[in-house]
């Protein structure tokens, strides 16, 4: 007979709205430039925090603004003491158009605490590679403009510097508000 006090892997996986990552992804080490022009060591800046990492771009017509707006709204629903333990890091996949000023202005529409990072295209591509996600690609449009095809999921690193859960598009504000406090308290030792 099963002990009802022991969390099974299935119960654990079902308790989070994102997808369970097995084995968990290690937090990547990369250095990019923030919207104030400072070099930022991603690992050191996010140490000791739950970190939500998303690669996208400010001119994105759909997924990027939706993800950022949903996370920002969820952060307002949870206690400030919990929200203060979370870092949201948005890395542009379109550094040619997303200047630090444009990126900061765009992120401020959602939450002024969001960290925006940029760099050369090569540096941004390398950051995606070390984060174990597909490198974004420019896609030409008919009017000589372009979009950027990029991974549309948020990687959630917990305080153990591992991503046990990733969040695809479609995660709701309510889902985030439910999961974020659990991610802050999570120690993964009993799973």
N, C-alpha and C. Protein backbone atom coordinates (compact mmCIF):
# COMPACT_ATOMS: atom_id res chain seq x y z
N UNK A 1 0.85 -1.19 0.00
CA UNK A 1 0.00 0.00 0.00
C UNK A 1 0.89 1.25 0.00
N UNK A 2 0.47 2.24 -0.80
CA UNK A 2 1.25 3.48 -0.91
C UNK A 2 1.03 4.37 0.31
N UNK A 3 2.10 5.04 0.72
CA UNK A 3 2.02 6.01 1.80
C UNK A 3 1.41 7.29 1.23
N UNK A 4 0.26 7.74 1.73
CA UNK A 4 -0.39 8.93 1.17
C UNK A 4 0.40 10.21 1.43
N UNK A 5 1.37 10.18 2.32
CA UNK A 5 2.17 11.38 2.60
C UNK A 5 3.36 11.53 1.66
N UNK A 6 3.63 10.52 0.86
CA UNK A 6 4.77 10.59 -0.05
C UNK A 6 4.30 11.08 -1.40
N UNK A 7 4.91 12.14 -1.88
CA UNK A 7 4.57 12.66 -3.21
C UNK A 7 5.14 11.74 -4.27
N UNK A 8 4.30 11.26 -5.15
CA UNK A 8 4.81 10.48 -6.27
C UNK A 8 5.24 11.45 -7.36
N UNK A 9 6.06 10.98 -8.28
CA UNK A 9 6.52 11.82 -9.39
C UNK A 9 5.32 12.32 -10.19
N UNK A 10 4.29 11.47 -10.36
CA UNK A 10 3.12 11.86 -11.13
C UNK A 10 2.35 12.99 -10.42
N UNK A 11 2.19 12.88 -9.11
CA UNK A 11 1.51 13.93 -8.36
C UNK A 11 2.28 15.23 -8.45
N UNK A 12 3.60 15.13 -8.32
CA UNK A 12 4.44 16.31 -8.42
C UNK A 12 4.28 16.98 -9.78
N UNK A 13 4.40 16.19 -10.84
CA UNK A 13 4.31 16.75 -12.19
C UNK A 13 2.96 17.41 -12.42
N UNK A 14 1.90 16.80 -11.90
CA UNK A 14 0.56 17.34 -12.09
C UNK A 14 0.34 18.61 -11.27
N UNK A 15 1.13 18.82 -10.22
CA UNK A 15 0.92 19.98 -9.36
C UNK A 15 1.42 21.28 -9.99
N UNK A 16 2.32 21.20 -10.96
CA UNK A 16 2.81 22.39 -11.66
C UNK A 16 2.11 22.51 -13.00
N UNK A 17 1.83 23.74 -13.41
CA UNK A 17 1.15 23.98 -14.68
C UNK A 17 2.11 23.92 -15.86
N UNK A 18 3.41 24.03 -15.61
CA UNK A 18 4.40 23.90 -16.68
C UNK A 18 4.77 22.45 -16.89
N UNK A 19 5.71 22.22 -17.78
CA UNK A 19 6.16 20.87 -18.08
C UNK A 19 7.38 20.50 -17.27
N UNK A 20 7.36 19.31 -16.70
CA UNK A 20 8.48 18.83 -15.91
C UNK A 20 9.66 18.50 -16.82
N UNK A 21 10.85 18.91 -16.43
CA UNK A 21 12.07 18.66 -17.21
C UNK A 21 12.91 17.62 -16.47
N UNK A 22 13.14 16.49 -17.12
CA UNK A 22 13.93 15.43 -16.51
C UNK A 22 14.99 14.96 -17.50
N UNK A 23 16.26 15.03 -17.19
CA UNK A 23 16.79 15.65 -15.98
C UNK A 23 16.65 17.18 -16.06
N UNK A 24 16.71 17.85 -14.91
CA UNK A 24 16.58 19.31 -14.93
C UNK A 24 17.73 19.96 -15.70
N UNK A 25 17.44 21.13 -16.26
CA UNK A 25 18.45 21.88 -17.02
C UNK A 25 19.27 22.76 -16.08
N UNK A 26 20.59 22.71 -16.17
CA UNK A 26 21.41 23.60 -15.33
C UNK A 26 21.26 25.05 -15.79
N UNK A 27 21.31 25.97 -14.83
CA UNK A 27 21.24 27.39 -15.16
C UNK A 27 22.48 27.73 -15.99
N UNK A 28 22.29 28.37 -17.14
CA UNK A 28 23.44 28.68 -17.99
C UNK A 28 24.29 29.82 -17.45
N UNK A 29 25.52 29.82 -17.88
CA UNK A 29 26.43 30.92 -17.54
C UNK A 29 26.72 31.70 -18.81
N UNK A 30 26.30 32.97 -18.80
CA UNK A 30 26.59 33.87 -19.92
C UNK A 30 26.58 35.30 -19.41
N UNK A 31 27.23 36.17 -20.15
CA UNK A 31 27.30 37.58 -19.81
C UNK A 31 26.78 38.39 -21.00
N UNK A 32 25.80 39.24 -20.74
CA UNK A 32 25.26 40.13 -21.76
C UNK A 32 25.15 41.54 -21.16
N UNK A 33 24.63 42.45 -21.93
CA UNK A 33 24.53 43.85 -21.50
C UNK A 33 23.09 44.18 -21.13
N UNK A 34 22.90 44.84 -19.98
CA UNK A 34 21.53 45.20 -19.60
C UNK A 34 21.12 46.51 -20.28
N UNK A 35 19.92 46.96 -20.00
CA UNK A 35 19.38 48.13 -20.68
C UNK A 35 20.01 49.44 -20.21
N UNK A 36 20.85 49.38 -19.18
CA UNK A 36 21.60 50.56 -18.74
C UNK A 36 23.03 50.55 -19.29
N UNK A 37 23.36 49.53 -20.06
CA UNK A 37 24.70 49.44 -20.64
C UNK A 37 25.72 48.71 -19.78
N UNK A 38 25.26 48.08 -18.69
CA UNK A 38 26.18 47.36 -17.80
C UNK A 38 26.29 45.89 -18.21
N UNK A 39 27.50 45.36 -18.12
CA UNK A 39 27.68 43.92 -18.36
C UNK A 39 27.08 43.16 -17.20
N UNK A 40 26.25 42.17 -17.50
CA UNK A 40 25.55 41.41 -16.47
C UNK A 40 25.91 39.93 -16.61
N UNK A 41 26.38 39.36 -15.52
CA UNK A 41 26.63 37.93 -15.43
C UNK A 41 25.31 37.30 -15.00
N UNK A 42 24.66 36.61 -15.94
CA UNK A 42 23.34 36.05 -15.69
C UNK A 42 23.32 35.19 -14.43
N UNK A 43 24.30 34.32 -14.29
CA UNK A 43 24.36 33.41 -13.15
C UNK A 43 24.41 34.19 -11.83
N UNK A 44 25.36 35.12 -11.73
CA UNK A 44 25.54 35.87 -10.47
C UNK A 44 24.35 36.77 -10.16
N UNK A 45 23.80 37.40 -11.18
CA UNK A 45 22.68 38.32 -10.99
C UNK A 45 21.43 37.61 -10.48
N UNK A 46 21.28 36.35 -10.84
CA UNK A 46 20.06 35.63 -10.48
C UNK A 46 20.27 34.62 -9.34
N UNK A 47 21.48 34.52 -8.83
CA UNK A 47 21.80 33.58 -7.75
C UNK A 47 20.87 33.80 -6.56
N UNK A 48 20.30 32.71 -6.05
CA UNK A 48 19.45 32.80 -4.86
C UNK A 48 18.01 33.21 -5.15
N UNK A 49 17.65 33.33 -6.42
CA UNK A 49 16.29 33.72 -6.81
C UNK A 49 15.70 32.67 -7.73
N UNK A 50 14.39 32.60 -7.74
CA UNK A 50 13.71 31.88 -8.81
C UNK A 50 13.86 32.79 -10.03
N UNK A 51 14.31 32.23 -11.14
CA UNK A 51 14.57 33.03 -12.33
C UNK A 51 13.77 32.52 -13.51
N UNK A 52 12.99 33.41 -14.09
CA UNK A 52 12.22 33.08 -15.28
C UNK A 52 12.97 33.67 -16.47
N UNK A 53 13.48 32.81 -17.34
CA UNK A 53 14.27 33.23 -18.49
C UNK A 53 13.47 33.04 -19.77
N UNK A 54 13.39 34.13 -20.55
CA UNK A 54 12.66 34.08 -21.81
C UNK A 54 13.49 34.78 -22.88
N UNK A 55 13.61 34.14 -24.03
CA UNK A 55 14.28 34.73 -25.19
C UNK A 55 13.22 35.15 -26.19
N UNK A 56 13.19 36.42 -26.55
CA UNK A 56 12.20 36.92 -27.50
C UNK A 56 12.63 38.27 -28.02
N UNK A 57 11.68 39.06 -28.52
CA UNK A 57 12.04 40.38 -29.04
C UNK A 57 10.87 41.34 -28.95
N UNK A 58 11.21 42.62 -28.84
CA UNK A 58 10.21 43.66 -28.58
C UNK A 58 9.23 43.86 -29.74
N UNK A 59 9.63 43.58 -30.96
CA UNK A 59 8.74 43.74 -32.11
C UNK A 59 7.86 42.52 -32.35
N UNK A 60 7.94 41.56 -31.47
CA UNK A 60 7.17 40.32 -31.60
C UNK A 60 5.67 40.66 -31.60
N UNK A 61 4.93 40.11 -32.56
CA UNK A 61 3.51 40.46 -32.66
C UNK A 61 2.60 39.71 -31.69
N UNK A 62 3.09 38.66 -31.04
CA UNK A 62 2.14 37.88 -30.25
C UNK A 62 2.73 37.27 -28.98
N UNK A 63 3.56 36.27 -29.09
CA UNK A 63 3.96 35.46 -27.93
C UNK A 63 4.73 36.26 -26.87
N UNK A 64 5.66 37.10 -27.28
CA UNK A 64 6.49 37.83 -26.31
C UNK A 64 5.67 38.79 -25.43
N UNK A 65 4.87 39.67 -26.04
CA UNK A 65 4.09 40.55 -25.16
C UNK A 65 3.09 39.78 -24.31
N UNK A 66 2.54 38.70 -24.84
CA UNK A 66 1.59 37.91 -24.07
C UNK A 66 2.28 37.26 -22.87
N UNK A 67 3.44 36.65 -23.07
CA UNK A 67 4.17 36.02 -21.95
C UNK A 67 4.53 37.06 -20.89
N UNK A 68 5.08 38.19 -21.31
CA UNK A 68 5.51 39.20 -20.34
C UNK A 68 4.32 39.80 -19.59
N UNK A 69 3.22 40.07 -20.30
CA UNK A 69 2.03 40.63 -19.65
C UNK A 69 1.44 39.64 -18.64
N UNK A 70 1.42 38.37 -19.00
CA UNK A 70 0.85 37.35 -18.13
C UNK A 70 1.69 37.19 -16.86
N UNK A 71 3.00 37.16 -17.02
CA UNK A 71 3.89 37.04 -15.84
C UNK A 71 3.77 38.28 -14.96
N UNK A 72 3.76 39.46 -15.59
CA UNK A 72 3.64 40.72 -14.82
C UNK A 72 2.35 40.74 -14.01
N UNK A 73 1.26 40.33 -14.63
CA UNK A 73 -0.03 40.32 -13.92
C UNK A 73 -0.01 39.33 -12.77
N UNK A 74 0.62 38.17 -12.98
CA UNK A 74 0.70 37.16 -11.92
C UNK A 74 1.53 37.66 -10.75
N UNK A 75 2.61 38.38 -11.04
CA UNK A 75 3.46 38.91 -9.96
C UNK A 75 2.69 39.88 -9.07
N UNK A 76 1.67 40.53 -9.62
CA UNK A 76 0.85 41.45 -8.83
C UNK A 76 -0.16 40.71 -7.95
N UNK A 77 -0.43 39.46 -8.30
CA UNK A 77 -1.41 38.68 -7.54
C UNK A 77 -0.81 37.96 -6.34
N UNK A 78 0.50 37.79 -6.34
CA UNK A 78 1.14 37.05 -5.25
C UNK A 78 1.72 38.02 -4.22
N UNK A 79 1.97 37.57 -3.02
CA UNK A 79 2.52 38.47 -2.00
C UNK A 79 3.86 39.09 -2.45
N UNK A 80 4.07 40.35 -2.10
CA UNK A 80 5.31 41.04 -2.48
C UNK A 80 6.54 40.30 -1.97
N UNK A 81 6.43 39.67 -0.81
CA UNK A 81 7.58 38.94 -0.25
C UNK A 81 7.97 37.76 -1.13
N UNK A 82 7.01 37.21 -1.84
CA UNK A 82 7.28 36.11 -2.77
C UNK A 82 7.81 36.69 -4.09
N UNK A 83 7.14 37.71 -4.60
CA UNK A 83 7.55 38.34 -5.87
C UNK A 83 8.99 38.84 -5.79
N UNK A 84 9.40 39.32 -4.63
CA UNK A 84 10.77 39.83 -4.46
C UNK A 84 11.84 38.74 -4.60
N UNK A 85 11.43 37.48 -4.54
CA UNK A 85 12.37 36.37 -4.67
C UNK A 85 12.44 35.84 -6.11
N UNK A 86 11.80 36.57 -7.03
CA UNK A 86 11.73 36.14 -8.42
C UNK A 86 12.39 37.18 -9.32
N UNK A 87 13.20 36.71 -10.26
CA UNK A 87 13.81 37.57 -11.27
C UNK A 87 13.27 37.14 -12.62
N UNK A 88 12.79 38.09 -13.40
CA UNK A 88 12.35 37.82 -14.76
C UNK A 88 13.39 38.43 -15.68
N UNK A 89 13.99 37.58 -16.51
CA UNK A 89 15.06 38.02 -17.42
C UNK A 89 14.60 37.76 -18.85
N UNK A 90 14.55 38.84 -19.62
CA UNK A 90 14.16 38.79 -21.02
C UNK A 90 15.39 39.10 -21.86
N UNK A 91 15.80 38.13 -22.69
CA UNK A 91 16.95 38.32 -23.57
C UNK A 91 16.43 38.53 -24.98
N UNK A 92 16.80 39.66 -25.60
CA UNK A 92 16.33 39.90 -26.96
C UNK A 92 17.02 38.96 -27.94
N UNK A 93 16.24 38.45 -28.88
CA UNK A 93 16.79 37.65 -29.96
C UNK A 93 16.96 38.52 -31.21
N UNK A 94 16.70 39.82 -31.06
CA UNK A 94 16.77 40.76 -32.18
C UNK A 94 17.55 42.01 -31.74
N UNK A 95 18.84 41.84 -31.40
CA UNK A 95 19.59 42.99 -30.90
C UNK A 95 19.77 44.11 -31.92
N UNK A 96 19.61 43.83 -33.19
CA UNK A 96 19.74 44.88 -34.21
C UNK A 96 18.65 45.94 -34.05
N UNK A 97 17.44 45.52 -33.73
CA UNK A 97 16.33 46.47 -33.55
C UNK A 97 16.08 46.81 -32.09
N UNK A 98 16.32 45.86 -31.20
CA UNK A 98 16.04 46.08 -29.77
C UNK A 98 17.24 46.75 -29.11
N UNK A 99 17.36 48.04 -29.31
CA UNK A 99 18.41 48.79 -28.62
C UNK A 99 18.10 48.75 -27.13
N UNK A 100 19.08 49.02 -26.29
CA UNK A 100 18.78 49.04 -24.85
C UNK A 100 17.60 49.95 -24.49
N UNK A 101 17.52 51.12 -25.14
CA UNK A 101 16.44 52.06 -24.85
C UNK A 101 15.08 51.50 -25.26
N UNK A 102 15.01 50.90 -26.44
CA UNK A 102 13.75 50.31 -26.92
C UNK A 102 13.36 49.14 -26.02
N UNK A 103 14.33 48.31 -25.69
CA UNK A 103 14.06 47.14 -24.85
C UNK A 103 13.55 47.56 -23.47
N UNK A 104 14.20 48.57 -22.86
CA UNK A 104 13.78 49.03 -21.54
C UNK A 104 12.37 49.60 -21.59
N UNK A 105 12.10 50.42 -22.59
CA UNK A 105 10.77 51.03 -22.74
C UNK A 105 9.71 49.94 -22.91
N UNK A 106 10.01 48.92 -23.70
CA UNK A 106 9.06 47.83 -23.94
C UNK A 106 8.82 47.04 -22.67
N UNK A 107 9.88 46.67 -21.96
CA UNK A 107 9.73 45.90 -20.71
C UNK A 107 9.00 46.70 -19.63
N UNK A 108 9.23 48.01 -19.58
CA UNK A 108 8.58 48.85 -18.57
C UNK A 108 7.06 48.87 -18.73
N UNK A 109 6.57 48.56 -19.92
CA UNK A 109 5.11 48.47 -20.12
C UNK A 109 4.52 47.32 -19.31
N UNK A 110 5.36 46.35 -18.97
CA UNK A 110 4.90 45.18 -18.23
C UNK A 110 5.27 45.28 -16.75
N UNK A 111 6.56 45.45 -16.47
CA UNK A 111 7.04 45.53 -15.09
C UNK A 111 8.45 46.11 -15.10
N UNK A 112 8.64 47.19 -14.38
CA UNK A 112 9.94 47.87 -14.35
C UNK A 112 11.04 47.02 -13.73
N UNK A 113 10.67 45.96 -13.02
CA UNK A 113 11.67 45.09 -12.40
C UNK A 113 12.24 44.08 -13.39
N UNK A 114 11.59 43.88 -14.52
CA UNK A 114 12.08 42.91 -15.49
C UNK A 114 13.46 43.32 -15.99
N UNK A 115 14.36 42.36 -16.07
CA UNK A 115 15.73 42.60 -16.53
C UNK A 115 15.78 42.32 -18.02
N UNK A 116 16.23 43.30 -18.79
CA UNK A 116 16.37 43.14 -20.23
C UNK A 116 17.84 43.01 -20.57
N UNK A 117 18.18 42.01 -21.38
CA UNK A 117 19.56 41.79 -21.77
C UNK A 117 19.70 41.75 -23.28
N UNK A 118 20.83 42.27 -23.76
CA UNK A 118 21.15 42.30 -25.17
C UNK A 118 22.64 42.12 -25.35
N UNK A 119 23.06 42.10 -26.56
CA UNK A 119 24.47 41.95 -26.89
C UNK A 119 24.60 41.81 -28.39
N UNK A 120 25.75 41.42 -28.86
CA UNK A 120 25.91 41.16 -30.28
C UNK A 120 25.03 39.96 -30.64
N UNK A 121 24.74 39.82 -31.92
CA UNK A 121 23.94 38.66 -32.34
C UNK A 121 24.64 37.37 -31.95
N UNK A 122 25.96 37.34 -32.10
CA UNK A 122 26.74 36.14 -31.75
C UNK A 122 26.63 35.83 -30.26
N UNK A 123 26.67 36.87 -29.41
CA UNK A 123 26.58 36.67 -27.96
C UNK A 123 25.19 36.18 -27.57
N UNK A 124 24.16 36.73 -28.20
CA UNK A 124 22.78 36.31 -27.92
C UNK A 124 22.56 34.86 -28.38
N UNK A 125 23.10 34.53 -29.55
CA UNK A 125 22.98 33.16 -30.05
C UNK A 125 23.68 32.19 -29.11
N UNK A 126 24.86 32.58 -28.63
CA UNK A 126 25.61 31.72 -27.70
C UNK A 126 24.85 31.53 -26.39
N UNK A 127 24.18 32.57 -25.91
CA UNK A 127 23.38 32.46 -24.67
C UNK A 127 22.24 31.47 -24.86
N UNK A 128 21.61 31.49 -26.03
CA UNK A 128 20.54 30.52 -26.30
C UNK A 128 21.10 29.10 -26.31
N UNK A 129 22.27 28.94 -26.91
CA UNK A 129 22.87 27.60 -26.97
C UNK A 129 23.19 27.07 -25.58
N UNK A 130 23.78 27.90 -24.71
CA UNK A 130 24.12 27.41 -23.36
C UNK A 130 22.86 27.21 -22.51
N UNK A 131 21.76 27.86 -22.89
CA UNK A 131 20.49 27.65 -22.19
C UNK A 131 19.76 26.42 -22.74
N UNK A 132 20.36 25.76 -23.72
CA UNK A 132 19.81 24.53 -24.32
C UNK A 132 18.48 24.75 -25.02
N UNK A 133 18.36 25.90 -25.69
CA UNK A 133 17.16 26.14 -26.51
C UNK A 133 17.59 26.40 -27.94
N UNK A 134 16.69 26.19 -28.90
CA UNK A 134 17.04 26.44 -30.30
C UNK A 134 17.37 27.92 -30.52
N UNK A 135 18.38 28.17 -31.34
CA UNK A 135 18.77 29.54 -31.65
C UNK A 135 17.72 30.16 -32.57
N UNK A 136 17.29 31.37 -32.25
CA UNK A 136 16.29 32.09 -33.04
C UNK A 136 16.82 32.40 -34.43
N UNK A 137 15.90 32.47 -35.39
CA UNK A 137 16.25 32.74 -36.79
C UNK A 137 15.35 33.85 -37.33
N UNK A 138 15.95 34.75 -38.14
CA UNK A 138 15.16 35.78 -38.81
C UNK A 138 14.36 35.14 -39.94
N UNK A 139 13.12 35.60 -40.08
CA UNK A 139 12.24 35.13 -41.14
C UNK A 139 11.78 36.37 -41.92
N UNK A 140 12.13 36.42 -43.21
CA UNK A 140 11.77 37.59 -44.04
C UNK A 140 10.27 37.66 -44.27
N UNK A 141 9.78 38.89 -44.27
CA UNK A 141 8.38 39.15 -44.59
C UNK A 141 8.32 39.81 -45.97
N UNK A 142 7.15 39.85 -46.57
CA UNK A 142 6.99 40.41 -47.91
C UNK A 142 7.38 41.88 -48.01
N UNK A 143 7.21 42.64 -46.94
CA UNK A 143 7.45 44.09 -46.98
C UNK A 143 8.87 44.47 -46.59
N UNK A 144 9.82 43.59 -46.79
CA UNK A 144 11.24 43.78 -46.50
C UNK A 144 11.55 43.79 -45.00
N UNK A 145 10.54 43.68 -44.20
CA UNK A 145 10.74 43.60 -42.76
C UNK A 145 10.99 42.13 -42.41
N UNK A 146 11.14 41.84 -41.14
CA UNK A 146 11.32 40.45 -40.74
C UNK A 146 10.75 40.23 -39.36
N UNK A 147 10.46 38.98 -39.08
CA UNK A 147 10.10 38.52 -37.75
C UNK A 147 11.23 37.62 -37.29
N UNK A 148 11.20 37.24 -36.02
CA UNK A 148 12.21 36.34 -35.50
C UNK A 148 11.51 35.10 -34.96
N UNK A 149 11.82 33.96 -35.57
CA UNK A 149 11.28 32.69 -35.08
C UNK A 149 12.14 32.27 -33.88
N UNK A 150 11.51 32.15 -32.72
CA UNK A 150 12.25 31.88 -31.49
C UNK A 150 11.47 30.91 -30.61
N UNK A 151 12.17 30.30 -29.67
CA UNK A 151 11.51 29.43 -28.69
C UNK A 151 10.53 30.29 -27.90
N UNK A 152 9.35 29.75 -27.66
CA UNK A 152 8.32 30.57 -27.00
C UNK A 152 7.99 30.09 -25.60
N UNK A 153 8.95 29.42 -24.96
CA UNK A 153 8.69 28.96 -23.60
C UNK A 153 9.58 29.69 -22.60
N UNK A 154 9.11 29.73 -21.38
CA UNK A 154 9.84 30.34 -20.27
C UNK A 154 10.51 29.21 -19.49
N UNK A 155 11.80 29.37 -19.23
CA UNK A 155 12.53 28.39 -18.43
C UNK A 155 12.55 28.91 -17.00
N UNK A 156 12.09 28.10 -16.05
CA UNK A 156 12.03 28.51 -14.64
C UNK A 156 13.15 27.81 -13.86
N UNK A 157 14.16 28.59 -13.48
CA UNK A 157 15.25 28.06 -12.64
C UNK A 157 14.90 28.34 -11.19
N UNK A 158 15.00 27.33 -10.35
CA UNK A 158 14.73 27.53 -8.93
C UNK A 158 16.03 27.83 -8.21
N UNK A 159 15.94 27.97 -6.91
CA UNK A 159 17.10 28.41 -6.12
C UNK A 159 18.25 27.41 -6.12
N UNK A 160 18.00 26.19 -6.61
CA UNK A 160 19.08 25.20 -6.74
C UNK A 160 19.84 25.35 -8.07
N UNK A 161 19.52 26.43 -8.82
CA UNK A 161 20.16 26.73 -10.11
C UNK A 161 19.89 25.67 -11.17
N UNK A 162 18.73 25.05 -11.06
CA UNK A 162 18.29 24.07 -12.05
C UNK A 162 16.87 24.42 -12.50
N UNK A 163 16.59 24.12 -13.76
CA UNK A 163 15.22 24.28 -14.27
C UNK A 163 14.55 22.92 -14.25
N UNK A 164 13.62 22.76 -13.35
CA UNK A 164 12.84 21.52 -13.25
C UNK A 164 11.54 21.64 -14.04
N UNK A 165 11.14 22.90 -14.35
CA UNK A 165 9.87 23.15 -15.01
C UNK A 165 10.08 24.20 -16.11
N UNK A 166 9.45 23.96 -17.28
CA UNK A 166 9.41 24.99 -18.32
C UNK A 166 7.94 25.28 -18.61
N UNK A 167 7.69 26.50 -19.08
CA UNK A 167 6.32 26.96 -19.29
C UNK A 167 6.12 27.35 -20.75
N UNK A 168 5.31 26.59 -21.47
CA UNK A 168 5.03 26.93 -22.87
C UNK A 168 4.07 28.11 -22.95
N UNK A 169 3.85 28.60 -24.16
CA UNK A 169 2.83 29.63 -24.36
C UNK A 169 1.49 29.08 -23.91
N UNK A 170 0.59 29.96 -23.52
CA UNK A 170 -0.74 29.53 -23.11
C UNK A 170 -0.90 29.37 -21.60
N UNK A 171 0.19 29.49 -20.85
CA UNK A 171 0.08 29.44 -19.39
C UNK A 171 -0.61 30.74 -18.95
N UNK A 172 -1.63 30.60 -18.13
CA UNK A 172 -2.43 31.76 -17.74
C UNK A 172 -1.84 32.49 -16.53
N UNK A 173 -2.36 33.67 -16.32
CA UNK A 173 -1.99 34.47 -15.15
C UNK A 173 -2.28 33.69 -13.87
N UNK A 174 -3.42 33.02 -13.83
CA UNK A 174 -3.80 32.22 -12.66
C UNK A 174 -2.82 31.06 -12.46
N UNK A 175 -2.40 30.41 -13.57
CA UNK A 175 -1.42 29.32 -13.49
C UNK A 175 -0.11 29.83 -12.90
N UNK A 176 0.38 30.94 -13.41
CA UNK A 176 1.64 31.51 -12.88
C UNK A 176 1.49 31.86 -11.40
N UNK A 177 0.37 32.50 -11.05
CA UNK A 177 0.15 32.91 -9.66
C UNK A 177 0.09 31.70 -8.73
N UNK A 178 -0.38 30.57 -9.25
CA UNK A 178 -0.39 29.34 -8.45
C UNK A 178 1.02 28.77 -8.32
N UNK A 179 1.78 28.74 -9.42
CA UNK A 179 3.08 28.07 -9.42
C UNK A 179 4.21 28.87 -8.79
N UNK A 180 4.23 30.17 -8.98
CA UNK A 180 5.39 30.96 -8.51
C UNK A 180 5.67 30.81 -7.01
N UNK A 181 4.66 30.88 -6.13
CA UNK A 181 4.96 30.69 -4.70
C UNK A 181 5.53 29.30 -4.41
N UNK A 182 5.07 28.29 -5.14
CA UNK A 182 5.60 26.93 -4.95
C UNK A 182 7.04 26.84 -5.43
N UNK A 183 7.35 27.49 -6.55
CA UNK A 183 8.72 27.48 -7.06
C UNK A 183 9.68 28.16 -6.07
N UNK A 184 9.21 29.22 -5.42
CA UNK A 184 10.04 29.94 -4.45
C UNK A 184 10.35 29.05 -3.24
N UNK A 185 9.38 28.23 -2.82
CA UNK A 185 9.56 27.37 -1.63
C UNK A 185 10.19 26.02 -1.97
N UNK A 186 10.18 25.64 -3.23
CA UNK A 186 10.57 24.29 -3.65
C UNK A 186 12.02 23.96 -3.29
N UNK A 187 12.21 22.73 -2.79
CA UNK A 187 13.60 22.29 -2.52
C UNK A 187 13.96 21.02 -3.28
N UNK A 188 12.98 20.41 -3.97
CA UNK A 188 13.18 19.27 -4.85
C UNK A 188 13.73 18.02 -4.17
N UNK A 189 13.95 18.04 -2.88
CA UNK A 189 14.59 16.90 -2.22
C UNK A 189 13.67 15.69 -2.08
N UNK A 190 12.37 15.92 -2.08
CA UNK A 190 11.46 14.79 -1.85
C UNK A 190 10.77 14.32 -3.12
N UNK A 191 11.39 14.58 -4.28
CA UNK A 191 10.77 14.16 -5.55
C UNK A 191 11.60 13.09 -6.22
